[in-house]
Amino acid sequence: QVQLVESGGGLVQPGGSLRLSCVAHGVIVSVLKMGWYRQAPGKERELVAMITTRGTITYADSVRGRFDLSRGSAETTVNLQMNNLESDDTAVYSCHAELVDTLGIVQNIWGQGTQVTVSS
């Protein structure tokens, strides 16, 4: 059973920084995509940033230039460095991974979500 374990998040003032980390635990053959989505109250869930197995990174227009997604030492870890945070960044951030398990089945796995609040 693969699980995504998230860390980071919390309360920060506008202009501040936070770092989110996500680690995939379990028996994994390969990670096809891994990254972060977010959902603000009353809004649809949206992609924040995603990295593919080839290292291609996609950012939401609203965060490009402020957020930086990177892999850890293993492809099963991603880190999201969030700088110059704005009140509109307030949301529950959830890690997502598309991966291949030992049966060759592609699975879509979600983390439990972590709250990011940007407020003075």
N, C-alpha and C. Protein backbone atom coordinates (compact mmCIF):
# COMPACT_ATOMS: atom_id res chain seq x y z
N GLN A 1 0.84 -1.18 0.00
CA GLN A 1 0.00 0.00 0.00
C GLN A 1 0.89 1.24 0.00
N VAL A 2 0.75 2.06 -1.04
CA VAL A 2 1.55 3.26 -1.14
C VAL A 2 0.84 4.40 -0.43
N GLN A 3 1.60 5.16 0.32
CA GLN A 3 1.05 6.33 1.01
C GLN A 3 1.93 7.54 0.74
N LEU A 4 1.32 8.71 0.69
CA LEU A 4 2.05 9.97 0.56
C LEU A 4 2.01 10.66 1.91
N VAL A 5 3.19 10.98 2.43
CA VAL A 5 3.30 11.64 3.71
C VAL A 5 3.78 13.07 3.49
N GLU A 6 2.95 14.02 3.90
CA GLU A 6 3.24 15.44 3.68
C GLU A 6 3.75 16.09 4.96
N SER A 7 4.57 17.11 4.79
CA SER A 7 5.02 17.90 5.93
C SER A 7 5.18 19.35 5.47
N GLY A 8 5.19 20.23 6.45
CA GLY A 8 5.28 21.66 6.15
C GLY A 8 3.91 22.29 6.27
N GLY A 9 3.76 23.46 5.75
CA GLY A 9 2.51 24.18 5.87
C GLY A 9 2.47 24.98 7.16
N GLY A 10 1.36 25.69 7.36
CA GLY A 10 1.20 26.49 8.56
C GLY A 10 0.75 27.90 8.25
N LEU A 11 1.01 28.79 9.20
CA LEU A 11 0.59 30.19 9.09
C LEU A 11 1.80 31.06 8.80
N VAL A 12 1.66 31.95 7.83
CA VAL A 12 2.76 32.84 7.48
C VAL A 12 2.19 34.19 7.07
N GLN A 13 2.96 35.23 7.27
CA GLN A 13 2.52 36.58 6.86
C GLN A 13 2.72 36.77 5.36
N PRO A 14 1.96 37.67 4.77
CA PRO A 14 2.17 37.97 3.34
C PRO A 14 3.62 38.35 3.08
N GLY A 15 4.14 37.82 1.99
CA GLY A 15 5.55 38.05 1.67
C GLY A 15 6.49 37.02 2.25
N GLY A 16 5.98 36.18 3.12
CA GLY A 16 6.81 35.17 3.75
C GLY A 16 6.99 33.93 2.89
N SER A 17 7.66 32.93 3.47
CA SER A 17 7.97 31.69 2.75
C SER A 17 7.60 30.47 3.58
N LEU A 18 7.27 29.41 2.88
CA LEU A 18 7.03 28.12 3.50
C LEU A 18 7.56 27.04 2.56
N ARG A 19 7.82 25.89 3.13
CA ARG A 19 8.31 24.76 2.34
C ARG A 19 7.46 23.54 2.65
N LEU A 20 6.94 22.91 1.59
CA LEU A 20 6.18 21.68 1.74
C LEU A 20 7.01 20.52 1.20
N SER A 21 6.90 19.39 1.87
CA SER A 21 7.58 18.18 1.41
C SER A 21 6.59 17.04 1.34
N CYS A 22 6.83 16.14 0.40
CA CYS A 22 5.97 14.96 0.24
C CYS A 22 6.84 13.77 -0.08
N VAL A 23 6.64 12.70 0.67
CA VAL A 23 7.41 11.47 0.47
C VAL A 23 6.44 10.33 0.22
N ALA A 24 6.70 9.57 -0.83
CA ALA A 24 5.89 8.39 -1.13
C ALA A 24 6.51 7.18 -0.44
N HIS A 25 5.71 6.48 0.36
CA HIS A 25 6.16 5.31 1.10
C HIS A 25 5.45 4.08 0.55
N GLY A 26 6.20 2.99 0.40
CA GLY A 26 5.63 1.75 -0.09
C GLY A 26 6.51 1.18 -1.19
N VAL A 27 6.03 0.11 -1.77
CA VAL A 27 6.78 -0.54 -2.84
C VAL A 27 6.34 0.09 -4.17
N ILE A 28 7.24 0.80 -4.79
CA ILE A 28 6.94 1.56 -6.00
C ILE A 28 7.92 1.19 -7.09
N VAL A 29 7.42 0.92 -8.27
CA VAL A 29 8.30 0.60 -9.40
C VAL A 29 8.83 1.90 -10.01
N SER A 30 7.92 2.83 -10.27
CA SER A 30 8.35 4.11 -10.82
C SER A 30 7.29 5.16 -10.54
N VAL A 31 7.75 6.41 -10.49
CA VAL A 31 6.85 7.55 -10.30
C VAL A 31 6.73 8.27 -11.63
N LEU A 32 5.53 8.34 -12.15
CA LEU A 32 5.32 8.99 -13.44
C LEU A 32 5.20 10.50 -13.29
N LYS A 33 4.45 10.93 -12.29
CA LYS A 33 4.28 12.35 -11.99
C LYS A 33 4.15 12.51 -10.50
N MET A 34 4.56 13.66 -9.98
CA MET A 34 4.40 13.92 -8.56
C MET A 34 4.40 15.42 -8.35
N GLY A 35 3.52 15.88 -7.48
CA GLY A 35 3.46 17.32 -7.26
C GLY A 35 2.37 17.70 -6.30
N TRP A 36 1.92 18.96 -6.42
CA TRP A 36 0.98 19.54 -5.46
C TRP A 36 -0.22 20.17 -6.14
N TYR A 37 -1.37 19.96 -5.53
CA TYR A 37 -2.60 20.66 -5.87
C TYR A 37 -3.02 21.45 -4.64
N ARG A 38 -3.94 22.39 -4.84
CA ARG A 38 -4.49 23.12 -3.70
C ARG A 38 -5.97 23.41 -3.92
N GLN A 39 -6.67 23.58 -2.80
CA GLN A 39 -8.08 23.93 -2.87
C GLN A 39 -8.38 24.96 -1.81
N ALA A 40 -8.83 26.12 -2.26
CA ALA A 40 -9.23 27.19 -1.35
C ALA A 40 -10.72 27.07 -1.07
N PRO A 41 -11.17 27.62 0.03
CA PRO A 41 -12.61 27.53 0.37
C PRO A 41 -13.48 28.09 -0.76
N GLY A 42 -14.46 27.30 -1.18
CA GLY A 42 -15.39 27.75 -2.21
C GLY A 42 -14.84 27.70 -3.62
N LYS A 43 -13.65 27.14 -3.78
CA LYS A 43 -13.04 27.08 -5.12
C LYS A 43 -12.74 25.64 -5.52
N GLU A 44 -12.53 25.45 -6.82
CA GLU A 44 -12.17 24.14 -7.34
C GLU A 44 -10.71 23.83 -6.98
N ARG A 45 -10.41 22.55 -6.90
CA ARG A 45 -9.01 22.16 -6.69
C ARG A 45 -8.23 22.49 -7.97
N GLU A 46 -7.01 23.01 -7.79
CA GLU A 46 -6.20 23.40 -8.94
C GLU A 46 -4.78 22.88 -8.79
N LEU A 47 -4.14 22.66 -9.92
CA LEU A 47 -2.75 22.24 -9.94
C LEU A 47 -1.88 23.42 -9.52
N VAL A 48 -0.93 23.16 -8.64
CA VAL A 48 0.06 24.16 -8.24
C VAL A 48 1.35 23.93 -9.02
N ALA A 49 1.89 22.73 -8.91
CA ALA A 49 3.14 22.40 -9.60
C ALA A 49 3.27 20.89 -9.67
N MET A 50 3.86 20.41 -10.78
CA MET A 50 3.97 18.98 -11.00
C MET A 50 5.27 18.71 -11.74
N ILE A 51 5.94 17.60 -11.39
CA ILE A 51 7.15 17.19 -12.09
C ILE A 51 6.94 15.79 -12.64
N THR A 52 7.38 15.58 -13.88
CA THR A 52 7.25 14.26 -14.50
C THR A 52 8.52 13.45 -14.29
N THR A 53 8.45 12.19 -14.67
CA THR A 53 9.60 11.32 -14.51
C THR A 53 10.80 11.82 -15.31
N ARG A 54 10.55 12.57 -16.36
CA ARG A 54 11.64 13.12 -17.17
C ARG A 54 12.16 14.44 -16.63
N GLY A 55 11.54 14.94 -15.57
CA GLY A 55 12.00 16.19 -14.97
C GLY A 55 11.32 17.43 -15.49
N THR A 56 10.30 17.27 -16.32
CA THR A 56 9.55 18.43 -16.80
C THR A 56 8.65 18.94 -15.70
N ILE A 57 8.72 20.24 -15.43
CA ILE A 57 7.94 20.83 -14.36
C ILE A 57 6.90 21.77 -14.94
N THR A 58 5.69 21.66 -14.43
CA THR A 58 4.59 22.55 -14.82
C THR A 58 4.15 23.34 -13.59
N TYR A 59 3.97 24.64 -13.78
CA TYR A 59 3.50 25.51 -12.70
C TYR A 59 2.18 26.18 -13.09
N ALA A 60 1.35 26.43 -12.10
CA ALA A 60 0.19 27.29 -12.33
C ALA A 60 0.69 28.70 -12.61
N ASP A 61 -0.01 29.42 -13.48
CA ASP A 61 0.42 30.78 -13.81
C ASP A 61 0.50 31.65 -12.56
N SER A 62 -0.37 31.41 -11.62
CA SER A 62 -0.45 32.26 -10.43
C SER A 62 0.73 32.09 -9.49
N VAL A 63 1.50 31.01 -9.64
CA VAL A 63 2.62 30.78 -8.73
C VAL A 63 3.98 30.81 -9.42
N ARG A 64 3.95 30.83 -10.75
CA ARG A 64 5.23 30.80 -11.49
C ARG A 64 6.08 32.00 -11.11
N GLY A 65 7.35 31.72 -10.81
CA GLY A 65 8.27 32.77 -10.38
C GLY A 65 8.34 32.95 -8.87
N ARG A 66 7.35 32.41 -8.18
CA ARG A 66 7.35 32.51 -6.70
C ARG A 66 7.56 31.16 -6.04
N PHE A 67 7.05 30.10 -6.68
CA PHE A 67 7.16 28.74 -6.12
C PHE A 67 8.21 27.96 -6.92
N ASP A 68 8.88 27.05 -6.22
CA ASP A 68 9.89 26.22 -6.86
C ASP A 68 9.70 24.77 -6.43
N LEU A 69 9.43 23.92 -7.41
CA LEU A 69 9.25 22.48 -7.14
C LEU A 69 10.54 21.74 -7.46
N SER A 70 10.94 20.87 -6.58
CA SER A 70 12.16 20.09 -6.82
C SER A 70 11.99 18.68 -6.30
N ARG A 71 12.83 17.78 -6.82
CA ARG A 71 12.84 16.41 -6.32
C ARG A 71 13.85 16.32 -5.17
N GLY A 72 13.59 15.37 -4.29
CA GLY A 72 14.57 15.07 -3.26
C GLY A 72 15.64 14.15 -3.86
N SER A 73 16.38 13.49 -3.00
CA SER A 73 17.44 12.60 -3.46
C SER A 73 16.87 11.39 -4.19
N ALA A 74 15.62 11.06 -3.92
CA ALA A 74 14.93 9.97 -4.61
C ALA A 74 13.74 10.53 -5.36
N GLU A 75 13.32 9.82 -6.40
CA GLU A 75 12.20 10.31 -7.19
C GLU A 75 10.89 10.23 -6.43
N THR A 76 10.93 9.61 -5.24
CA THR A 76 9.71 9.47 -4.45
C THR A 76 9.52 10.62 -3.48
N THR A 77 10.32 11.67 -3.60
CA THR A 77 10.21 12.84 -2.75
C THR A 77 10.16 14.11 -3.59
N VAL A 78 9.22 15.00 -3.26
CA VAL A 78 9.19 16.31 -3.89
C VAL A 78 9.07 17.38 -2.82
N ASN A 79 9.69 18.51 -3.10
CA ASN A 79 9.66 19.66 -2.20
C ASN A 79 9.11 20.86 -2.95
N LEU A 80 8.26 21.62 -2.28
CA LEU A 80 7.70 22.83 -2.87
C LEU A 80 8.11 24.00 -2.00
N GLN A 81 9.02 24.81 -2.53
CA GLN A 81 9.44 26.02 -1.85
C GLN A 81 8.53 27.15 -2.30
N MET A 82 7.83 27.76 -1.35
CA MET A 82 6.87 28.82 -1.67
C MET A 82 7.38 30.13 -1.11
N ASN A 83 7.66 31.07 -1.99
CA ASN A 83 8.18 32.38 -1.60
C ASN A 83 7.19 33.48 -1.95
N ASN A 84 7.37 34.62 -1.29
CA ASN A 84 6.54 35.78 -1.55
C ASN A 84 5.05 35.40 -1.53
N LEU A 85 4.67 34.73 -0.49
CA LEU A 85 3.30 34.23 -0.39
C LEU A 85 2.29 35.36 -0.29
N GLU A 86 1.13 35.11 -0.89
CA GLU A 86 0.04 36.09 -0.92
C GLU A 86 -1.19 35.49 -0.25
N SER A 87 -2.13 36.34 0.11
CA SER A 87 -3.33 35.84 0.78
C SER A 87 -4.10 34.86 -0.12
N ASP A 88 -4.02 35.06 -1.43
CA ASP A 88 -4.69 34.15 -2.36
C ASP A 88 -4.06 32.76 -2.39
N ASP A 89 -2.91 32.60 -1.78
CA ASP A 89 -2.28 31.28 -1.72
C ASP A 89 -2.86 30.44 -0.58
N THR A 90 -3.67 31.04 0.25
CA THR A 90 -4.29 30.31 1.36
C THR A 90 -5.17 29.19 0.82
N ALA A 91 -4.88 27.97 1.26
CA ALA A 91 -5.61 26.79 0.76
C ALA A 91 -5.11 25.55 1.48
N VAL A 92 -5.82 24.45 1.24
CA VAL A 92 -5.31 23.14 1.65
C VAL A 92 -4.49 22.61 0.47
N TYR A 93 -3.25 22.30 0.73
CA TYR A 93 -2.34 21.80 -0.29
C TYR A 93 -2.24 20.28 -0.15
N SER A 94 -2.45 19.59 -1.26
CA SER A 94 -2.42 18.12 -1.25
C SER A 94 -1.39 17.61 -2.24
N CYS A 95 -0.60 16.66 -1.79
CA CYS A 95 0.38 16.01 -2.65
C CYS A 95 -0.33 14.95 -3.50
N HIS A 96 0.10 14.82 -4.73
CA HIS A 96 -0.46 13.82 -5.63
C HIS A 96 0.66 13.11 -6.37
N ALA A 97 0.50 11.83 -6.56
CA ALA A 97 1.48 11.05 -7.33
C ALA A 97 0.76 10.10 -8.26
N GLU A 98 1.29 10.00 -9.46
CA GLU A 98 0.85 8.97 -10.42
C GLU A 98 2.02 8.02 -10.54
N LEU A 99 1.82 6.77 -10.13
CA LEU A 99 2.94 5.85 -10.07
C LEU A 99 2.55 4.46 -10.53
N VAL A 100 3.58 3.66 -10.77
CA VAL A 100 3.39 2.28 -11.21
C VAL A 100 3.74 1.37 -10.05
N ASP A 101 2.82 0.45 -9.71
CA ASP A 101 3.09 -0.46 -8.60
C ASP A 101 3.72 -1.76 -9.12
N THR A 102 3.93 -2.71 -8.23
CA THR A 102 4.63 -3.94 -8.60
C THR A 102 3.81 -4.83 -9.54
N LEU A 103 2.53 -4.56 -9.66
CA LEU A 103 1.68 -5.31 -10.60
C LEU A 103 1.63 -4.63 -11.96
N GLY A 104 2.35 -3.52 -12.08
CA GLY A 104 2.34 -2.79 -13.34
C GLY A 104 1.12 -1.91 -13.51
N ILE A 105 0.40 -1.70 -12.43
CA ILE A 105 -0.83 -0.90 -12.47
C ILE A 105 -0.49 0.55 -12.13
N VAL A 106 -1.04 1.47 -12.92
CA VAL A 106 -0.84 2.89 -12.64
C VAL A 106 -1.84 3.32 -11.58
N GLN A 107 -1.33 3.89 -10.52
CA GLN A 107 -2.18 4.34 -9.43
C GLN A 107 -2.09 5.85 -9.27
N ASN A 108 -3.20 6.46 -8.89
CA ASN A 108 -3.23 7.88 -8.53
C ASN A 108 -3.43 7.96 -7.02
N ILE A 109 -2.43 8.50 -6.34
CA ILE A 109 -2.43 8.53 -4.88
C ILE A 109 -2.46 9.98 -4.40
N TRP A 110 -3.24 10.23 -3.35
CA TRP A 110 -3.34 11.56 -2.75
C TRP A 110 -2.87 11.54 -1.31
N GLY A 111 -2.22 12.63 -0.89
CA GLY A 111 -1.89 12.81 0.51
C GLY A 111 -3.10 13.32 1.27
N GLN A 112 -2.94 13.48 2.58
CA GLN A 112 -4.07 13.87 3.41
C GLN A 112 -4.36 15.36 3.36
N GLY A 113 -3.41 16.14 2.85
CA GLY A 113 -3.59 17.59 2.75
C GLY A 113 -2.98 18.32 3.94
N THR A 114 -2.44 19.49 3.67
CA THR A 114 -1.87 20.33 4.73
C THR A 114 -2.32 21.77 4.50
N GLN A 115 -2.68 22.43 5.58
CA GLN A 115 -3.22 23.79 5.48
C GLN A 115 -2.09 24.81 5.38
N VAL A 116 -2.23 25.71 4.42
CA VAL A 116 -1.35 26.87 4.30
C VAL A 116 -2.22 28.12 4.43
N THR A 117 -1.90 28.94 5.41
CA THR A 117 -2.67 30.17 5.63
C THR A 117 -1.72 31.36 5.57
N VAL A 118 -2.05 32.28 4.70
CA VAL A 118 -1.25 33.50 4.54
C VAL A 118 -2.08 34.67 5.05
N SER A 119 -1.66 35.22 6.18
CA SER A 119 -2.44 36.27 6.82
C SER A 119 -1.56 37.10 7.74
N SER A 120 -1.89 38.37 7.82
CA SER A 120 -1.16 39.24 8.74
C SER A 120 -1.87 39.28 10.10
